Amino acid sequence: LPRKPSWHRRVNTFVYLNDEWPEAYGGHLELWDRNLTACATRVLPTMGRFVAFSTTDFSYHGHPVPLAAPLGRARRSVALYYYTVGV
């Protein structure tokens, strides 16, 4: 469906699909505080892990540290977003 101006993203969800993903590979999802001064949570992207969080103007997230996985090993996930119409 095309995104319409009256739609607002409210929730981000991720399901990770990485079997046998050690800490050393990195790729953690990081959730940062509103001022971008501290990482509040780091989530290792292991198989079946589900993460959901509210989407706002200040819900900063990502995986800023480059992966250290072996060549050919990808960090896989499925992202789903929930929208509401109107305010």
PDB file of N, CA and C in Angstrom:
ATOM      1  N   LEU A   1       0.834  -1.190   0.000  1.00  0.00           N
ATOM      2  CA  LEU A   1       0.000   0.000   0.000  1.00  0.00           C
ATOM      3  C   LEU A   1       0.873   1.246   0.000  1.00  0.00           C
ATOM      4  N   PRO A   2       0.511   2.224  -0.765  1.00  0.00           N
ATOM      5  CA  PRO A   2       1.298   3.452  -0.746  1.00  0.00           C
ATOM      6  C   PRO A   2       1.106   4.182   0.578  1.00  0.00           C
ATOM      7  N   ARG A   3       2.171   4.774   1.052  1.00  0.00           N
ATOM      8  CA  ARG A   3       2.087   5.527   2.305  1.00  0.00           C
ATOM      9  C   ARG A   3       1.351   6.832   2.054  1.00  0.00           C
ATOM     10  N   LYS A   4       0.404   7.129   2.908  1.00  0.00           N
ATOM     11  CA  LYS A   4      -0.379   8.350   2.777  1.00  0.00           C
ATOM     12  C   LYS A   4       0.025   9.319   3.885  1.00  0.00           C
ATOM     13  N   PRO A   5      -0.082  10.627   3.638  1.00  0.00           N
ATOM     14  CA  PRO A   5       0.326  11.601   4.652  1.00  0.00           C
ATOM     15  C   PRO A   5      -0.387  11.443   5.991  1.00  0.00           C
ATOM     16  N   SER A   6      -1.586  10.894   6.018  1.00  0.00           N
ATOM     17  CA  SER A   6      -2.324  10.778   7.277  1.00  0.00           C
ATOM     18  C   SER A   6      -1.955   9.513   8.066  1.00  0.00           C
ATOM     19  N   TRP A   7      -1.093   8.658   7.516  1.00  0.00           N
ATOM     20  CA  TRP A   7      -0.660   7.451   8.225  1.00  0.00           C
ATOM     21  C   TRP A   7       0.528   7.792   9.111  1.00  0.00           C
ATOM     22  N   HIS A   8       0.555   7.206  10.318  1.00  0.00           N
ATOM     23  CA  HIS A   8       1.644   7.454  11.252  1.00  0.00           C
ATOM     24  C   HIS A   8       2.192   6.131  11.752  1.00  0.00           C
ATOM     25  N   ARG A   9       3.496   5.945  11.600  1.00  0.00           N
ATOM     26  CA  ARG A   9       4.109   4.718  12.108  1.00  0.00           C
ATOM     27  C   ARG A   9       4.149   4.803  13.626  1.00  0.00           C
ATOM     28  N   ARG A  10       3.694   3.741  14.286  1.00  0.00           N
ATOM     29  CA  ARG A  10       3.606   3.742  15.742  1.00  0.00           C
ATOM     30  C   ARG A  10       4.535   2.729  16.398  1.00  0.00           C
ATOM     31  N   VAL A  11       4.742   1.582  15.723  1.00  0.00           N
ATOM     32  CA  VAL A  11       5.537   0.510  16.320  1.00  0.00           C
ATOM     33  C   VAL A  11       6.460  -0.092  15.266  1.00  0.00           C
ATOM     34  N   ASN A  12       7.711  -0.318  15.642  1.00  0.00           N
ATOM     35  CA  ASN A  12       8.671  -1.070  14.823  1.00  0.00           C
ATOM     36  C   ASN A  12       8.838  -2.442  15.454  1.00  0.00           C
ATOM     37  N   THR A  13       8.906  -3.482  14.635  1.00  0.00           N
ATOM     38  CA  THR A  13       9.197  -4.823  15.142  1.00  0.00           C
ATOM     39  C   THR A  13      10.244  -5.467  14.243  1.00  0.00           C
ATOM     40  N   PHE A  14      11.084  -6.273  14.876  1.00  0.00           N
ATOM     41  CA  PHE A  14      12.103  -7.031  14.147  1.00  0.00           C
ATOM     42  C   PHE A  14      12.108  -8.457  14.658  1.00  0.00           C
ATOM     43  N   VAL A  15      12.225  -9.407  13.738  1.00  0.00           N
ATOM     44  CA  VAL A  15      12.455 -10.812  14.080  1.00  0.00           C
ATOM     45  C   VAL A  15      13.791 -11.171  13.432  1.00  0.00           C
ATOM     46  N   TYR A  16      14.702 -11.677  14.241  1.00  0.00           N
ATOM     47  CA  TYR A  16      16.039 -12.001  13.738  1.00  0.00           C
ATOM     48  C   TYR A  16      16.119 -13.458  13.300  1.00  0.00           C
ATOM     49  N   LEU A  17      16.862 -13.698  12.225  1.00  0.00           N
ATOM     50  CA  LEU A  17      16.935 -15.013  11.583  1.00  0.00           C
ATOM     51  C   LEU A  17      18.372 -15.516  11.496  1.00  0.00           C
ATOM     52  N   ASN A  18      19.164 -15.241  12.511  1.00  0.00           N
ATOM     53  CA  ASN A  18      20.593 -15.556  12.484  1.00  0.00           C
ATOM     54  C   ASN A  18      20.902 -16.726  13.416  1.00  0.00           C
ATOM     55  N   ASP A  19      21.065 -17.894  12.851  1.00  0.00           N
ATOM     56  CA  ASP A  19      21.395 -19.088  13.616  1.00  0.00           C
ATOM     57  C   ASP A  19      22.862 -19.026  14.045  1.00  0.00           C
ATOM     58  N   GLU A  20      23.121 -19.387  15.280  1.00  0.00           N
ATOM     59  CA  GLU A  20      24.494 -19.424  15.803  1.00  0.00           C
ATOM     60  C   GLU A  20      25.233 -18.112  15.539  1.00  0.00           C
ATOM     61  N   TRP A  21      24.742 -17.041  16.132  1.00  0.00           N
ATOM     62  CA  TRP A  21      25.322 -15.709  15.962  1.00  0.00           C
ATOM     63  C   TRP A  21      26.010 -15.302  17.259  1.00  0.00           C
ATOM     64  N   PRO A  22      27.338 -15.452  17.342  1.00  0.00           N
ATOM     65  CA  PRO A  22      28.045 -15.114  18.582  1.00  0.00           C
ATOM     66  C   PRO A  22      28.187 -13.599  18.788  1.00  0.00           C
ATOM     67  N   GLU A  23      28.380 -13.195  20.031  1.00  0.00           N
ATOM     68  CA  GLU A  23      28.599 -11.785  20.385  1.00  0.00           C
ATOM     69  C   GLU A  23      29.701 -11.153  19.533  1.00  0.00           C
ATOM     70  N   ALA A  24      30.736 -11.925  19.238  1.00  0.00           N
ATOM     71  CA  ALA A  24      31.902 -11.396  18.514  1.00  0.00           C
ATOM     72  C   ALA A  24      31.553 -10.888  17.110  1.00  0.00           C
ATOM     73  N   TYR A  25      30.447 -11.370  16.526  1.00  0.00           N
ATOM     74  CA  TYR A  25      30.046 -10.901  15.196  1.00  0.00           C
ATOM     75  C   TYR A  25      29.488  -9.481  15.245  1.00  0.00           C
ATOM     76  N   GLY A  26      29.035  -9.039  16.410  1.00  0.00           N
ATOM     77  CA  GLY A  26      28.433  -7.711  16.515  1.00  0.00           C
ATOM     78  C   GLY A  26      27.058  -7.681  15.885  1.00  0.00           C
ATOM     79  N   GLY A  27      26.693  -6.537  15.322  1.00  0.00           N
ATOM     80  CA  GLY A  27      25.389  -6.391  14.677  1.00  0.00           C
ATOM     81  C   GLY A  27      24.251  -6.186  15.645  1.00  0.00           C
ATOM     82  N   HIS A  28      24.565  -5.839  16.886  1.00  0.00           N
ATOM     83  CA  HIS A  28      23.527  -5.596  17.888  1.00  0.00           C
ATOM     84  C   HIS A  28      22.624  -4.443  17.452  1.00  0.00           C
ATOM     85  N   LEU A  29      21.325  -4.609  17.673  1.00  0.00           N
ATOM     86  CA  LEU A  29      20.404  -3.485  17.538  1.00  0.00           C
ATOM     87  C   LEU A  29      20.626  -2.616  18.767  1.00  0.00           C
ATOM     88  N   GLU A  30      20.831  -1.344  18.559  1.00  0.00           N
ATOM     89  CA  GLU A  30      21.022  -0.416  19.671  1.00  0.00           C
ATOM     90  C   GLU A  30      19.845   0.543  19.736  1.00  0.00           C
ATOM     91  N   LEU A  31      19.304   0.694  20.928  1.00  0.00           N
ATOM     92  CA  LEU A  31      18.231   1.651  21.187  1.00  0.00           C
ATOM     93  C   LEU A  31      18.822   2.769  22.036  1.00  0.00           C
ATOM     94  N   TRP A  32      18.775   3.985  21.519  1.00  0.00           N
ATOM     95  CA  TRP A  32      19.440   5.129  22.153  1.00  0.00           C
ATOM     96  C   TRP A  32      18.441   6.041  22.853  1.00  0.00           C
ATOM     97  N   ASP A  33      18.939   6.746  23.856  1.00  0.00           N
ATOM     98  CA  ASP A  33      18.082   7.690  24.578  1.00  0.00           C
ATOM     99  C   ASP A  33      17.735   8.875  23.684  1.00  0.00           C
ATOM    100  N   ARG A  34      16.798   9.643  24.140  1.00  0.00           N
ATOM    101  CA  ARG A  34      16.248  10.762  23.378  1.00  0.00           C
ATOM    102  C   ARG A  34      17.310  11.796  22.980  1.00  0.00           C
ATOM    103  N   ASN A  35      18.355  11.968  23.795  1.00  0.00           N
ATOM    104  CA  ASN A  35      19.393  12.957  23.505  1.00  0.00           C
ATOM    105  C   ASN A  35      20.584  12.392  22.734  1.00  0.00           C
ATOM    106  N   LEU A  36      20.513  11.119  22.389  1.00  0.00           N
ATOM    107  CA  LEU A  36      21.604  10.428  21.705  1.00  0.00           C
ATOM    108  C   LEU A  36      22.912  10.495  22.495  1.00  0.00           C
ATOM    109  N   THR A  37      22.801  10.470  23.812  1.00  0.00           N
ATOM    110  CA  THR A  37      23.989  10.520  24.660  1.00  0.00           C
ATOM    111  C   THR A  37      24.355   9.163  25.238  1.00  0.00           C
ATOM    112  N   ALA A  38      23.405   8.211  25.213  1.00  0.00           N
ATOM    113  CA  ALA A  38      23.688   6.885  25.782  1.00  0.00           C
ATOM    114  C   ALA A  38      22.847   5.820  25.093  1.00  0.00           C
ATOM    115  N   CYS A  39      23.470   4.680  24.893  1.00  0.00           N
ATOM    116  CA  CYS A  39      22.755   3.518  24.369  1.00  0.00           C
ATOM    117  C   CYS A  39      22.025   2.878  25.550  1.00  0.00           C
ATOM    118  N   ALA A  40      20.709   2.829  25.493  1.00  0.00           N
ATOM    119  CA  ALA A  40      19.910   2.285  26.590  1.00  0.00           C
ATOM    120  C   ALA A  40      19.876   0.759  26.569  1.00  0.00           C
ATOM    121  N   THR A  41      19.888   0.166  25.374  1.00  0.00           N
ATOM    122  CA  THR A  41      19.784  -1.285  25.234  1.00  0.00           C
ATOM    123  C   THR A  41      20.516  -1.743  23.990  1.00  0.00           C
ATOM    124  N   ARG A  42      21.175  -2.894  24.105  1.00  0.00           N
ATOM    125  CA  ARG A  42      21.794  -3.557  22.949  1.00  0.00           C
ATOM    126  C   ARG A  42      21.183  -4.947  22.845  1.00  0.00           C
ATOM    127  N   VAL A  43      20.754  -5.331  21.634  1.00  0.00           N
ATOM    128  CA  VAL A  43      20.090  -6.607  21.415  1.00  0.00           C
ATOM    129  C   VAL A  43      20.892  -7.413  20.393  1.00  0.00           C
ATOM    130  N   LEU A  44      21.388  -8.586  20.806  1.00  0.00           N
ATOM    131  CA  LEU A  44      22.105  -9.468  19.891  1.00  0.00           C
ATOM    132  C   LEU A  44      21.093 -10.091  18.925  1.00  0.00           C
ATOM    133  N   PRO A  45      21.353 -10.040  17.618  1.00  0.00           N
ATOM    134  CA  PRO A  45      20.378 -10.496  16.627  1.00  0.00           C
ATOM    135  C   PRO A  45      20.371 -12.020  16.428  1.00  0.00           C
ATOM    136  N   THR A  46      19.993 -12.760  17.453  1.00  0.00           N
ATOM    137  CA  THR A  46      20.006 -14.222  17.388  1.00  0.00           C
ATOM    138  C   THR A  46      18.677 -14.775  16.886  1.00  0.00           C
ATOM    139  N   MET A  47      18.714 -15.994  16.378  1.00  0.00           N
ATOM    140  CA  MET A  47      17.561 -16.657  15.764  1.00  0.00           C
ATOM    141  C   MET A  47      16.323 -16.596  16.653  1.00  0.00           C
ATOM    142  N   GLY A  48      15.233 -16.101  16.063  1.00  0.00           N
ATOM    143  CA  GLY A  48      13.949 -16.085  16.743  1.00  0.00           C
ATOM    144  C   GLY A  48      13.742 -14.930  17.704  1.00  0.00           C
ATOM    145  N   ARG A  49      14.758 -14.130  17.935  1.00  0.00           N
ATOM    146  CA  ARG A  49      14.599 -12.999  18.858  1.00  0.00           C
ATOM    147  C   ARG A  49      13.661 -11.980  18.224  1.00  0.00           C
ATOM    148  N   PHE A  50      12.704 -11.519  19.029  1.00  0.00           N
ATOM    149  CA  PHE A  50      11.695 -10.566  18.578  1.00  0.00           C
ATOM    150  C   PHE A  50      11.853  -9.287  19.393  1.00  0.00           C
ATOM    151  N   VAL A  51      11.897  -8.159  18.699  1.00  0.00           N
ATOM    152  CA  VAL A  51      12.032  -6.859  19.356  1.00  0.00           C
ATOM    153  C   VAL A  51      10.909  -5.963  18.852  1.00  0.00           C
ATOM    154  N   ALA A  52      10.251  -5.272  19.774  1.00  0.00           N
ATOM    155  CA  ALA A  52       9.211  -4.304  19.408  1.00  0.00           C
ATOM    156  C   ALA A  52       9.431  -3.041  20.231  1.00  0.00           C
ATOM    157  N   PHE A  53       9.285  -1.894  19.585  1.00  0.00           N
ATOM    158  CA  PHE A  53       9.403  -0.637  20.317  1.00  0.00           C
ATOM    159  C   PHE A  53       8.577   0.442  19.633  1.00  0.00           C
ATOM    160  N   SER A  54       8.178   1.398  20.421  1.00  0.00           N
ATOM    161  CA  SER A  54       7.381   2.518  19.955  1.00  0.00           C
ATOM    162  C   SER A  54       8.183   3.374  18.984  1.00  0.00           C
ATOM    163  N   THR A  55       7.518   3.845  17.950  1.00  0.00           N
ATOM    164  CA  THR A  55       8.149   4.727  16.982  1.00  0.00           C
ATOM    165  C   THR A  55       7.702   6.153  17.264  1.00  0.00           C
ATOM    166  N   THR A  56       8.671   7.023  17.517  1.00  0.00           N
ATOM    167  CA  THR A  56       8.394   8.433  17.769  1.00  0.00           C
ATOM    168  C   THR A  56       9.424   9.262  17.018  1.00  0.00           C
ATOM    169  N   ASP A  57       9.342  10.556  17.186  1.00  0.00           N
ATOM    170  CA  ASP A  57      10.340  11.443  16.574  1.00  0.00           C
ATOM    171  C   ASP A  57      11.711  11.265  17.205  1.00  0.00           C
ATOM    172  N   PHE A  58      11.780  10.598  18.360  1.00  0.00           N
ATOM    173  CA  PHE A  58      13.051  10.453  19.066  1.00  0.00           C
ATOM    174  C   PHE A  58      13.323   9.007  19.481  1.00  0.00           C
ATOM    175  N   SER A  59      12.810   8.040  18.721  1.00  0.00           N
ATOM    176  CA  SER A  59      13.126   6.627  19.006  1.00  0.00           C
ATOM    177  C   SER A  59      14.306   6.215  18.124  1.00  0.00           C
ATOM    178  N   TYR A  60      15.483   6.605  18.575  1.00  0.00           N
ATOM    179  CA  TYR A  60      16.694   6.380  17.793  1.00  0.00           C
ATOM    180  C   TYR A  60      17.173   4.943  17.945  1.00  0.00           C
ATOM    181  N   HIS A  61      17.424   4.304  16.813  1.00  0.00           N
ATOM    182  CA  HIS A  61      17.822   2.901  16.821  1.00  0.00           C
ATOM    183  C   HIS A  61      18.657   2.594  15.584  1.00  0.00           C
ATOM    184  N   GLY A  62      19.375   1.487  15.652  1.00  0.00           N
ATOM    185  CA  GLY A  62      20.178   1.053  14.520  1.00  0.00           C
ATOM    186  C   GLY A  62      21.290   0.135  14.979  1.00  0.00           C
ATOM    187  N   HIS A  63      22.178  -0.203  14.072  1.00  0.00           N
ATOM    188  CA  HIS A  63      23.380  -0.980  14.416  1.00  0.00           C
ATOM    189  C   HIS A  63      24.581  -0.242  13.818  1.00  0.00           C
ATOM    190  N   PRO A  64      25.065   0.769  14.554  1.00  0.00           N
ATOM    191  CA  PRO A  64      26.095   1.659  14.018  1.00  0.00           C
ATOM    192  C   PRO A  64      27.494   1.061  13.920  1.00  0.00           C
ATOM    193  N   VAL A  65      27.768   0.006  14.669  1.00  0.00           N
ATOM    194  CA  VAL A  65      29.105  -0.602  14.638  1.00  0.00           C
ATOM    195  C   VAL A  65      29.149  -1.603  13.488  1.00  0.00           C
ATOM    196  N   PRO A  66      30.140  -1.516  12.605  1.00  0.00           N
ATOM    197  CA  PRO A  66      30.224  -2.459  11.476  1.00  0.00           C
ATOM    198  C   PRO A  66      30.280  -3.916  11.955  1.00  0.00           C
ATOM    199  N   LEU A  67      29.683  -4.805  11.172  1.00  0.00           N
ATOM    200  CA  LEU A  67      29.699  -6.234  11.491  1.00  0.00           C
ATOM    201  C   LEU A  67      31.118  -6.787  11.474  1.00  0.00           C
ATOM    202  N   ALA A  68      31.333  -7.782  12.321  1.00  0.00           N
ATOM    203  CA  ALA A  68      32.623  -8.481  12.346  1.00  0.00           C
ATOM    204  C   ALA A  68      32.423  -9.945  11.960  1.00  0.00           C
ATOM    205  N   ALA A  69      31.323 -10.231  11.277  1.00  0.00           N
ATOM    206  CA  ALA A  69      31.015 -11.603  10.852  1.00  0.00           C
ATOM    207  C   ALA A  69      31.957 -12.013   9.721  1.00  0.00           C
ATOM    208  N   PRO A  70      32.151 -13.310   9.566  1.00  0.00           N
ATOM    209  CA  PRO A  70      33.005 -13.796   8.464  1.00  0.00           C
ATOM    210  C   PRO A  70      32.442 -13.385   7.099  1.00  0.00           C
ATOM    211  N   LEU A  71      33.318 -13.284   6.135  1.00  0.00           N
ATOM    212  CA  LEU A  71      32.916 -12.950   4.775  1.00  0.00           C
ATOM    213  C   LEU A  71      31.826 -13.913   4.318  1.00  0.00           C
ATOM    214  N   GLY A  72      30.755 -13.370   3.761  1.00  0.00           N
ATOM    215  CA  GLY A  72      29.657 -14.188   3.273  1.00  0.00           C
ATOM    216  C   GLY A  72      28.565 -14.428   4.301  1.00  0.00           C
ATOM    217  N   ARG A  73      28.791 -14.045   5.543  1.00  0.00           N
ATOM    218  CA  ARG A  73      27.786 -14.226   6.596  1.00  0.00           C
ATOM    219  C   ARG A  73      27.010 -12.931   6.744  1.00  0.00           C
ATOM    220  N   ALA A  74      25.709 -12.975   6.533  1.00  0.00           N
ATOM    221  CA  ALA A  74      24.862 -11.789   6.574  1.00  0.00           C
ATOM    222  C   ALA A  74      24.051 -11.738   7.866  1.00  0.00           C
ATOM    223  N   ARG A  75      23.714 -10.552   8.275  1.00  0.00           N
ATOM    224  CA  ARG A  75      22.820 -10.321   9.419  1.00  0.00           C
ATOM    225  C   ARG A  75      21.419 -10.216   8.838  1.00  0.00           C
ATOM    226  N   ARG A  76      20.549 -11.174   9.204  1.00  0.00           N
ATOM    227  CA  ARG A  76      19.223 -11.250   8.590  1.00  0.00           C
ATOM    228  C   ARG A  76      18.124 -10.963   9.597  1.00  0.00           C
ATOM    229  N   SER A  77      17.096 -10.271   9.105  1.00  0.00           N
ATOM    230  CA  SER A  77      15.936  -9.975   9.950  1.00  0.00           C
ATOM    231  C   SER A  77      14.737  -9.690   9.068  1.00  0.00           C
ATOM    232  N   VAL A  78      13.578  -9.749   9.687  1.00  0.00           N
ATOM    233  CA  VAL A  78      12.334  -9.326   9.050  1.00  0.00           C
ATOM    234  C   VAL A  78      11.840  -8.139   9.870  1.00  0.00           C
ATOM    235  N   ALA A  79      11.539  -7.048   9.194  1.00  0.00           N
ATOM    236  CA  ALA A  79      11.038  -5.853   9.862  1.00  0.00           C
ATOM    237  C   ALA A  79       9.566  -5.669   9.517  1.00  0.00           C
ATOM    238  N   LEU A  80       8.778  -5.391  10.537  1.00  0.00           N
ATOM    239  CA  LEU A  80       7.344  -5.114  10.354  1.00  0.00           C
ATOM    240  C   LEU A  80       7.032  -3.802  11.057  1.00  0.00           C
ATOM    241  N   TYR A  81       6.181  -3.007  10.435  1.00  0.00           N
ATOM    242  CA  TYR A  81       5.840  -1.703  10.977  1.00  0.00           C
ATOM    243  C   TYR A  81       4.325  -1.602  11.108  1.00  0.00           C
ATOM    244  N   TYR A  82       3.877  -0.986  12.187  1.00  0.00           N
ATOM    245  CA  TYR A  82       2.442  -0.815  12.446  1.00  0.00           C
ATOM    246  C   TYR A  82       2.090   0.672  12.357  1.00  0.00           C
ATOM    247  N   TYR A  83       1.025   0.944  11.633  1.00  0.00           N
ATOM    248  CA  TYR A  83       0.589   2.315  11.377  1.00  0.00           C
ATOM    249  C   TYR A  83      -0.807   2.536  11.924  1.00  0.00           C
ATOM    250  N   THR A  84      -1.103   3.805  12.206  1.00  0.00           N
ATOM    251  CA  THR A  84      -2.475   4.220  12.483  1.00  0.00           C
ATOM    252  C   THR A  84      -2.805   5.335  11.499  1.00  0.00           C
ATOM    253  N   VAL A  85      -4.083   5.567  11.317  1.00  0.00           N
ATOM    254  CA  VAL A  85      -4.540   6.633  10.438  1.00  0.00           C
ATOM    255  C   VAL A  85      -4.955   7.797  11.314  1.00  0.00           C
ATOM    256  N   GLY A  86      -4.562   8.982  10.925  1.00  0.00           N
ATOM    257  CA  GLY A  86      -4.939  10.182  11.676  1.00  0.00           C
ATOM    258  C   GLY A  86      -3.904  10.559  12.701  1.00  0.00           C
ATOM    259  N   VAL A  87      -4.354  11.228  13.729  1.00  0.00           N
ATOM    260  CA  VAL A  87      -3.446  11.797  14.739  1.00  0.00           C
ATOM    261  C   VAL A  87      -2.746  10.763  15.563  1.00  0.00           C
TER     262      VAL A  87
END
